[in-house]
Amino acid sequence: MEDNTERTTLSFYRYRKIERPEVYRNELYEQFDEIGVLGRIYIAQEGINGQISVPSENLEKFRALMEQLGYDNLRLNIAIEDDGKSFIKLKIKVREKIVADGLDDDTFDASDRGTHIDAAAFNELTENENTIVVDMRNHYETEVGHFENAICPDVTTFRESLPIVEGILDEHREKNIVMYCTGGIRCEKASAYFKHKGFENVFQLDGGIIEYARQVKSQELNNKFIGKNFVFDERMGERISDDIIAKCHQCEAPADTHINCANDACHLLFIQCEKCRAKYESCCSNECKEFNQLPEEEQLEKRKTTLFKGSKFAKGRYKSYRPEKK
């Protein structure tokens, strides 16, 4: 965190067959570590999914390395806002899938995906009254930012969203279905799944919100995204428009800054304004604030019996985790 090396934050993914993920993981770690890559990368037999930062001076080395590894024409989604502190270590993990979707991929052709569209085509298509726009992200992402008139399912996981979205879209089978997510990976699988389910006019925003924002800026297009784009690193978000559409989960003041509760035994992800951050010392409740003030030995003992509102993977919903009044 104290290193002032200029770094570039980016994300990428590629569905491709990886025969021996565990061996591949170790080889990749050595190669990435050598050029200073930090971040979180998932590897599975179906492909690779990464959110990383690279020393800016080594960005071209990284591109060359990925081509050498067989990732020709790999899209690198470069961060919109970047302070170089997005990641502090390199983690490469082997998983069953690069995005948990709960699908049996043997039942449909995952390569038969929706039509990719760029920012200009997205803007034009979404002006059509015969078009439905669907956000394939989770509630804590859409709460701080989304496209105009988008359907935003109240879900916690991508796995949960697929059957819910299918139900919502069932009466719109003849319409243009335009899907989007952060960088494109969730829509890559979802668009193929919905085509398998009989939806014919399925489109996905190429490169997701990140690439859309870049194209809007470089091409001076009308920006249809409102608010902030949630990202899965230390930054927690990139501002796409000046609009603040969310509220502090504690006092309901306008706010769209996500934090994790400072009580590590809770670690709830929620939205907190500056005033409440000072009042609750970056905690989600008085309970967590008071727990954090205890001696470490007492905290460790109380963790055995004390239940908090969050956990390492909990995501707060608006008005669901209001602190108790004291």
Protein backbone atom coordinates (compact mmCIF):
# COMPACT_ATOMS: atom_id res chain seq x y z
CA MET A 1 0.00 0.00 0.00
CA GLU A 2 2.98 2.32 0.53
CA ASP A 3 4.46 1.53 -2.90
CA ASN A 4 4.13 4.47 -5.27
CA THR A 5 4.77 2.48 -8.45
CA GLU A 6 2.34 3.56 -11.16
CA ARG A 7 -0.01 0.65 -11.81
CA THR A 8 -2.81 -0.10 -14.26
CA THR A 9 -5.92 -1.90 -13.03
CA LEU A 10 -7.70 -4.14 -15.52
CA SER A 11 -9.90 -7.19 -15.88
CA PHE A 12 -10.13 -9.96 -18.45
CA TYR A 13 -11.69 -13.35 -19.09
CA ARG A 14 -11.65 -16.06 -21.71
CA TYR A 15 -13.66 -19.25 -22.01
CA ARG A 16 -11.25 -21.92 -23.25
CA LYS A 17 -10.42 -25.51 -22.37
CA ILE A 18 -7.72 -25.86 -19.69
CA GLU A 19 -6.75 -29.50 -19.26
CA ARG A 20 -4.82 -29.39 -15.96
CA PRO A 21 -5.92 -26.29 -14.03
CA GLU A 22 -3.75 -27.00 -10.95
CA VAL A 23 -0.55 -27.27 -12.98
CA TYR A 24 -1.56 -24.31 -15.14
CA ARG A 25 -2.21 -22.25 -12.02
CA ASN A 26 1.32 -22.76 -10.68
CA GLU A 27 2.96 -21.95 -14.00
CA LEU A 28 0.84 -18.83 -14.39
CA TYR A 29 1.64 -17.65 -10.87
CA GLU A 30 5.37 -17.72 -11.55
CA GLN A 31 5.01 -15.85 -14.84
CA PHE A 32 2.66 -13.21 -13.43
CA ASP A 33 4.69 -12.71 -10.27
CA GLU A 34 7.82 -12.10 -12.35
CA ILE A 35 6.32 -8.98 -13.96
CA GLY A 36 4.68 -7.67 -10.77
CA VAL A 37 1.05 -8.65 -11.34
CA LEU A 38 -1.23 -8.30 -8.31
CA GLY A 39 -4.87 -9.29 -8.11
CA ARG A 40 -7.36 -12.15 -8.05
CA ILE A 41 -7.52 -14.76 -10.80
CA TYR A 42 -9.77 -17.81 -11.09
CA ILE A 43 -8.88 -20.79 -13.27
CA ALA A 44 -11.16 -23.70 -14.19
CA GLN A 45 -11.37 -26.28 -16.92
CA GLU A 46 -13.69 -23.86 -18.74
CA GLY A 47 -11.27 -20.91 -18.76
CA ILE A 48 -9.80 -17.96 -16.87
CA ASN A 49 -11.22 -14.88 -15.12
CA GLY A 50 -9.00 -12.16 -13.71
CA GLN A 51 -9.12 -8.79 -11.98
CA ILE A 52 -5.56 -7.50 -11.60
CA SER A 53 -3.19 -4.57 -11.54
CA VAL A 54 0.11 -4.42 -13.42
CA PRO A 55 3.02 -1.97 -13.12
CA SER A 56 2.22 0.41 -15.97
CA GLU A 57 5.72 0.02 -17.36
CA ASN A 58 5.05 -3.75 -17.69
CA LEU A 59 1.62 -3.49 -19.33
CA GLU A 60 2.97 -4.34 -22.79
CA LYS A 61 4.95 -7.24 -21.30
CA PHE A 62 1.68 -8.51 -19.85
CA ARG A 63 -0.08 -8.23 -23.23
CA ALA A 64 2.81 -10.09 -24.91
CA LEU A 65 2.74 -12.79 -22.22
CA MET A 66 -0.99 -13.38 -22.67
CA GLU A 67 -0.56 -13.70 -26.44
CA GLN A 68 2.31 -16.11 -25.85
CA LEU A 69 -0.03 -18.17 -23.66
CA GLY A 70 -2.56 -18.38 -26.48
CA TYR A 71 -4.94 -15.55 -25.53
CA ASP A 72 -4.99 -13.81 -28.90
CA ASN A 73 -7.11 -10.65 -29.14
CA LEU A 74 -7.83 -10.77 -25.42
CA ARG A 75 -9.92 -7.82 -24.30
CA LEU A 76 -8.35 -5.99 -21.37
CA ASN A 77 -10.94 -3.86 -19.60
CA ILE A 78 -8.88 -0.94 -18.27
CA ALA A 79 -10.21 0.71 -15.10
CA ILE A 80 -11.87 4.12 -15.41
CA GLU A 81 -10.68 5.43 -12.02
CA ASP A 82 -7.39 4.05 -10.76
CA ASP A 83 -5.21 5.01 -7.78
CA GLY A 84 -2.91 2.00 -8.19
CA LYS A 85 -4.11 0.49 -4.90
CA SER A 86 -6.78 -1.86 -6.25
CA PHE A 87 -4.94 -5.03 -5.14
CA ILE A 88 -2.22 -5.71 -2.59
CA LYS A 89 -1.27 -9.32 -3.39
CA LEU A 90 -1.49 -11.95 -6.12
CA LYS A 91 -4.00 -14.77 -5.67
CA ILE A 92 -4.64 -17.42 -8.32
CA LYS A 93 -7.25 -20.02 -7.37
CA VAL A 94 -8.51 -23.15 -9.09
CA ARG A 95 -12.28 -23.44 -9.11
CA GLU A 96 -14.96 -25.61 -10.67
CA LYS A 97 -16.07 -22.63 -12.78
CA ILE A 98 -14.68 -19.15 -13.41
CA VAL A 99 -18.09 -17.71 -12.49
CA ALA A 100 -20.45 -19.73 -10.27
CA ASP A 101 -23.62 -20.10 -12.36
CA GLY A 102 -25.18 -23.37 -11.19
CA LEU A 103 -25.68 -24.48 -14.80
CA ASP A 104 -25.07 -27.87 -16.37
CA ASP A 105 -23.06 -26.74 -19.38
CA ASP A 106 -23.50 -30.14 -21.05
CA THR A 107 -27.14 -29.32 -21.70
CA PHE A 108 -26.51 -26.36 -24.03
CA ASP A 109 -23.88 -24.79 -26.27
CA ALA A 110 -22.14 -22.16 -24.13
CA SER A 111 -20.35 -20.82 -27.22
CA ASP A 112 -23.65 -19.89 -28.90
CA ARG A 113 -23.71 -16.54 -27.13
CA GLY A 114 -25.70 -13.37 -27.72
CA THR A 115 -24.72 -10.75 -30.27
CA HIS A 116 -21.99 -8.44 -28.97
CA ILE A 117 -22.76 -4.73 -29.29
CA ASP A 118 -20.58 -1.68 -28.59
CA ALA A 119 -21.58 1.51 -26.76
CA ALA A 120 -23.00 3.27 -29.82
CA ALA A 121 -25.08 0.24 -30.81
CA PHE A 122 -26.22 -0.18 -27.20
CA ASN A 123 -27.43 3.42 -27.07
CA GLU A 124 -29.29 3.02 -30.35
CA LEU A 125 -30.86 -0.34 -29.54
CA THR A 126 -32.02 0.75 -26.09
CA GLU A 127 -33.92 3.65 -27.68
CA ASN A 128 -36.11 1.06 -29.41
CA GLU A 129 -39.41 0.53 -27.57
CA ASN A 130 -39.17 -3.15 -28.47
CA THR A 131 -36.02 -3.56 -26.34
CA ILE A 132 -35.69 -4.84 -22.77
CA VAL A 133 -32.48 -4.01 -20.84
CA VAL A 134 -31.45 -6.45 -18.11
CA ASP A 135 -28.76 -5.94 -15.47
CA MET A 136 -27.13 -9.32 -14.76
CA ARG A 137 -25.39 -8.10 -11.61
CA ASN A 138 -26.29 -8.36 -7.93
CA HIS A 139 -28.38 -6.02 -5.75
CA TYR A 140 -25.39 -4.38 -4.06
CA GLU A 141 -23.96 -3.52 -7.51
CA THR A 142 -27.14 -2.17 -9.08
CA GLU A 143 -28.00 -0.17 -5.95
CA VAL A 144 -25.23 2.35 -6.65
CA GLY A 145 -25.48 2.43 -10.45
CA HIS A 146 -27.29 1.00 -13.48
CA PHE A 147 -28.41 1.86 -16.99
CA GLU A 148 -31.53 3.91 -17.62
CA ASN A 149 -34.74 1.84 -17.53
CA ALA A 150 -32.88 -1.38 -16.81
CA ILE A 151 -34.50 -4.32 -15.04
CA CYS A 152 -32.42 -4.87 -11.89
CA PRO A 153 -33.32 -8.16 -10.15
CA ASP A 154 -33.02 -8.18 -6.36
CA VAL A 155 -30.48 -11.03 -6.18
CA THR A 156 -27.31 -11.79 -4.24
CA THR A 157 -25.58 -14.14 -6.69
CA PHE A 158 -25.34 -14.72 -10.44
CA ARG A 159 -26.57 -18.29 -9.89
CA GLU A 160 -29.71 -16.91 -8.24
CA SER A 161 -30.34 -14.37 -11.00
CA LEU A 162 -30.68 -16.76 -13.95
CA PRO A 163 -34.07 -18.36 -13.12
CA ILE A 164 -35.42 -15.05 -11.79
CA VAL A 165 -34.47 -13.17 -14.96
CA GLU A 166 -35.94 -15.96 -17.08
CA GLY A 167 -39.25 -15.55 -15.28
CA ILE A 168 -39.21 -11.78 -15.74
CA LEU A 169 -38.43 -12.07 -19.45
CA ASP A 170 -40.84 -14.88 -20.26
CA GLU A 171 -43.55 -12.52 -21.52
CA HIS A 172 -41.02 -10.61 -23.65
CA ARG A 173 -39.67 -13.47 -25.76
CA GLU A 174 -40.21 -11.65 -29.05
CA LYS A 175 -38.42 -8.48 -27.94
CA ASN A 176 -34.76 -7.49 -28.10
CA ILE A 177 -33.11 -8.65 -24.87
CA VAL A 178 -30.01 -6.58 -24.06
CA MET A 179 -27.89 -7.83 -21.14
CA TYR A 180 -25.00 -6.14 -19.40
CA CYS A 181 -22.69 -6.69 -16.44
CA THR A 182 -19.40 -5.28 -15.13
CA GLY A 183 -16.95 -6.58 -17.72
CA GLY A 184 -18.95 -9.02 -19.83
CA ILE A 185 -18.20 -12.43 -18.33
CA ARG A 186 -21.58 -13.04 -16.71
CA CYS A 187 -23.43 -12.01 -19.88
CA GLU A 188 -21.23 -14.32 -21.94
CA LYS A 189 -22.72 -17.32 -20.18
CA ALA A 190 -26.19 -15.84 -19.55
CA SER A 191 -26.79 -14.87 -23.16
CA ALA A 192 -25.97 -18.42 -24.34
CA TYR A 193 -28.24 -19.84 -21.64
CA PHE A 194 -31.19 -17.64 -22.62
CA LYS A 195 -30.73 -18.44 -26.31
CA HIS A 196 -30.88 -22.10 -25.29
CA LYS A 197 -34.11 -21.28 -23.45
CA GLY A 198 -35.70 -20.01 -26.66
CA PHE A 199 -35.05 -16.28 -26.60
CA GLU A 200 -34.07 -15.34 -30.15
CA ASN A 201 -32.98 -11.68 -30.11
CA VAL A 202 -30.35 -11.74 -27.38
CA PHE A 203 -27.60 -9.10 -27.19
CA GLN A 204 -24.81 -8.40 -24.71
CA LEU A 205 -22.84 -5.22 -24.08
CA ASP A 206 -19.33 -6.02 -25.27
CA GLY A 207 -16.82 -5.38 -22.49
CA GLY A 208 -19.58 -4.53 -20.04
CA ILE A 209 -19.95 -1.25 -18.17
CA ILE A 210 -16.19 -0.72 -18.02
CA GLU A 211 -15.73 -0.73 -21.80
CA TYR A 212 -18.97 1.20 -22.31
CA ALA A 213 -17.70 4.03 -20.11
CA ARG A 214 -14.41 4.13 -21.99
CA GLN A 215 -16.13 4.30 -25.38
CA VAL A 216 -18.60 6.94 -24.21
CA LYS A 217 -15.72 9.14 -23.13
CA SER A 218 -13.46 8.57 -26.14
CA GLN A 219 -16.29 8.87 -28.70
CA GLU A 220 -18.21 11.60 -26.86
CA LEU A 221 -21.40 9.55 -26.81
CA ASN A 222 -24.46 10.09 -24.65
CA ASN A 223 -23.91 8.32 -21.32
CA LYS A 224 -26.89 6.17 -20.36
CA PHE A 225 -25.31 4.78 -17.20
CA ILE A 226 -26.44 6.45 -13.98
CA GLY A 227 -24.20 6.51 -10.92
CA LYS A 228 -21.30 4.29 -9.95
CA ASN A 229 -19.97 1.00 -11.29
CA PHE A 230 -19.26 -1.43 -8.44
CA VAL A 231 -15.90 -3.21 -8.86
CA PHE A 232 -14.48 -6.20 -6.99
CA ASP A 233 -11.27 -4.75 -5.62
CA GLU A 234 -10.10 -2.34 -2.94
CA ARG A 235 -11.66 0.63 -4.80
CA MET A 236 -15.20 -0.81 -4.52
CA GLY A 237 -16.42 1.44 -7.33
CA GLU A 238 -15.76 3.66 -10.34
CA ARG A 239 -17.81 6.81 -10.87
CA ILE A 240 -19.45 6.82 -14.31
CA SER A 241 -21.82 9.75 -13.78
CA ASP A 242 -22.15 12.39 -11.05
CA ASP A 243 -25.50 11.01 -9.93
CA ILE A 244 -25.72 9.50 -6.44
CA ILE A 245 -28.73 7.18 -6.58
CA ALA A 246 -28.19 5.18 -3.37
CA LYS A 247 -28.59 6.03 0.30
CA CYS A 248 -26.50 5.46 3.41
CA HIS A 249 -27.71 2.22 5.00
CA GLN A 250 -27.58 3.87 8.41
CA CYS A 251 -28.99 7.40 8.14
CA GLU A 252 -30.47 7.37 4.60
CA ALA A 253 -28.45 10.39 3.46
CA PRO A 254 -27.42 10.30 -0.24
CA ALA A 255 -24.33 8.07 -0.46
CA ASP A 256 -22.85 5.40 -2.72
CA THR A 257 -19.60 4.42 -1.02
CA HIS A 258 -19.34 0.73 -0.12
CA ILE A 259 -17.22 -0.38 2.80
CA ASN A 260 -16.79 -3.58 4.79
CA CYS A 261 -17.65 -3.36 8.49
CA ALA A 262 -14.45 -2.68 10.43
CA ASN A 263 -15.37 -5.48 12.83
CA ASP A 264 -13.65 -8.41 11.10
CA ALA A 265 -16.00 -10.83 12.86
CA CYS A 266 -18.83 -9.19 10.89
CA HIS A 267 -17.24 -7.78 7.70
CA LEU A 268 -20.65 -6.84 6.26
CA LEU A 269 -20.51 -5.04 2.91
CA PHE A 270 -22.76 -1.97 3.10
CA ILE A 271 -23.08 1.69 2.06
CA GLN A 272 -21.97 4.33 4.56
CA CYS A 273 -21.77 8.14 4.39
CA GLU A 274 -18.86 10.10 5.86
CA LYS A 275 -20.90 11.26 8.85
CA CYS A 276 -21.88 7.72 9.82
CA ARG A 277 -18.35 6.46 9.16
CA ALA A 278 -17.13 8.85 11.87
CA LYS A 279 -20.06 8.11 14.20
CA TYR A 280 -19.79 4.33 13.96
CA GLU A 281 -16.01 4.18 13.38
CA SER A 282 -16.49 2.42 10.02
CA CYS A 283 -18.75 -0.22 11.57
CA CYS A 284 -22.27 -1.23 10.54
CA SER A 285 -23.75 -0.90 14.05
CA ASN A 286 -23.10 0.19 17.62
CA GLU A 287 -22.71 -3.49 18.48
CA CYS A 288 -19.78 -3.85 16.09
CA LYS A 289 -18.30 -0.51 17.12
CA GLU A 290 -18.32 -1.49 20.80
CA PHE A 291 -16.99 -4.97 19.98
CA ASN A 292 -14.05 -3.40 18.12
CA GLN A 293 -13.17 -1.34 21.20
CA LEU A 294 -12.71 -4.44 23.36
CA PRO A 295 -9.22 -5.85 24.10
CA GLU A 296 -8.16 -8.35 21.45
CA GLU A 297 -8.22 -11.27 23.91
CA GLU A 298 -11.82 -10.49 24.86
CA GLN A 299 -12.80 -10.16 21.19
CA LEU A 300 -11.40 -13.60 20.43
CA GLU A 301 -13.35 -15.12 23.31
CA LYS A 302 -16.63 -13.37 22.41
CA ARG A 303 -16.36 -14.44 18.76
CA LYS A 304 -17.15 -17.98 19.91
CA THR A 305 -20.68 -17.05 20.99
CA THR A 306 -21.52 -13.64 19.47
CA LEU A 307 -23.45 -13.47 16.20
CA PHE A 308 -23.19 -10.42 13.97
CA LYS A 309 -25.32 -9.24 11.06
CA GLY A 310 -22.68 -10.02 8.49
CA SER A 311 -20.01 -12.54 7.66
CA LYS A 312 -17.07 -12.57 5.31
CA PHE A 313 -19.43 -12.90 2.34
CA ALA A 314 -22.50 -10.98 3.53
CA LYS A 315 -23.86 -8.14 1.41
CA GLY A 316 -26.12 -5.60 3.09
CA ARG A 317 -29.43 -4.49 1.60
CA TYR A 318 -30.82 -0.98 1.94
CA LYS A 319 -32.82 -0.61 5.19
CA SER A 320 -32.01 -4.21 6.17
CA TYR A 321 -29.06 -3.43 8.40
CA ARG A 322 -30.00 -0.20 10.10
CA PRO A 323 -28.03 0.13 13.36
CA GLU A 324 -29.93 -0.06 16.60
CA LYS A 325 -30.80 3.27 18.19
CA LYS A 326 -28.81 4.23 21.27
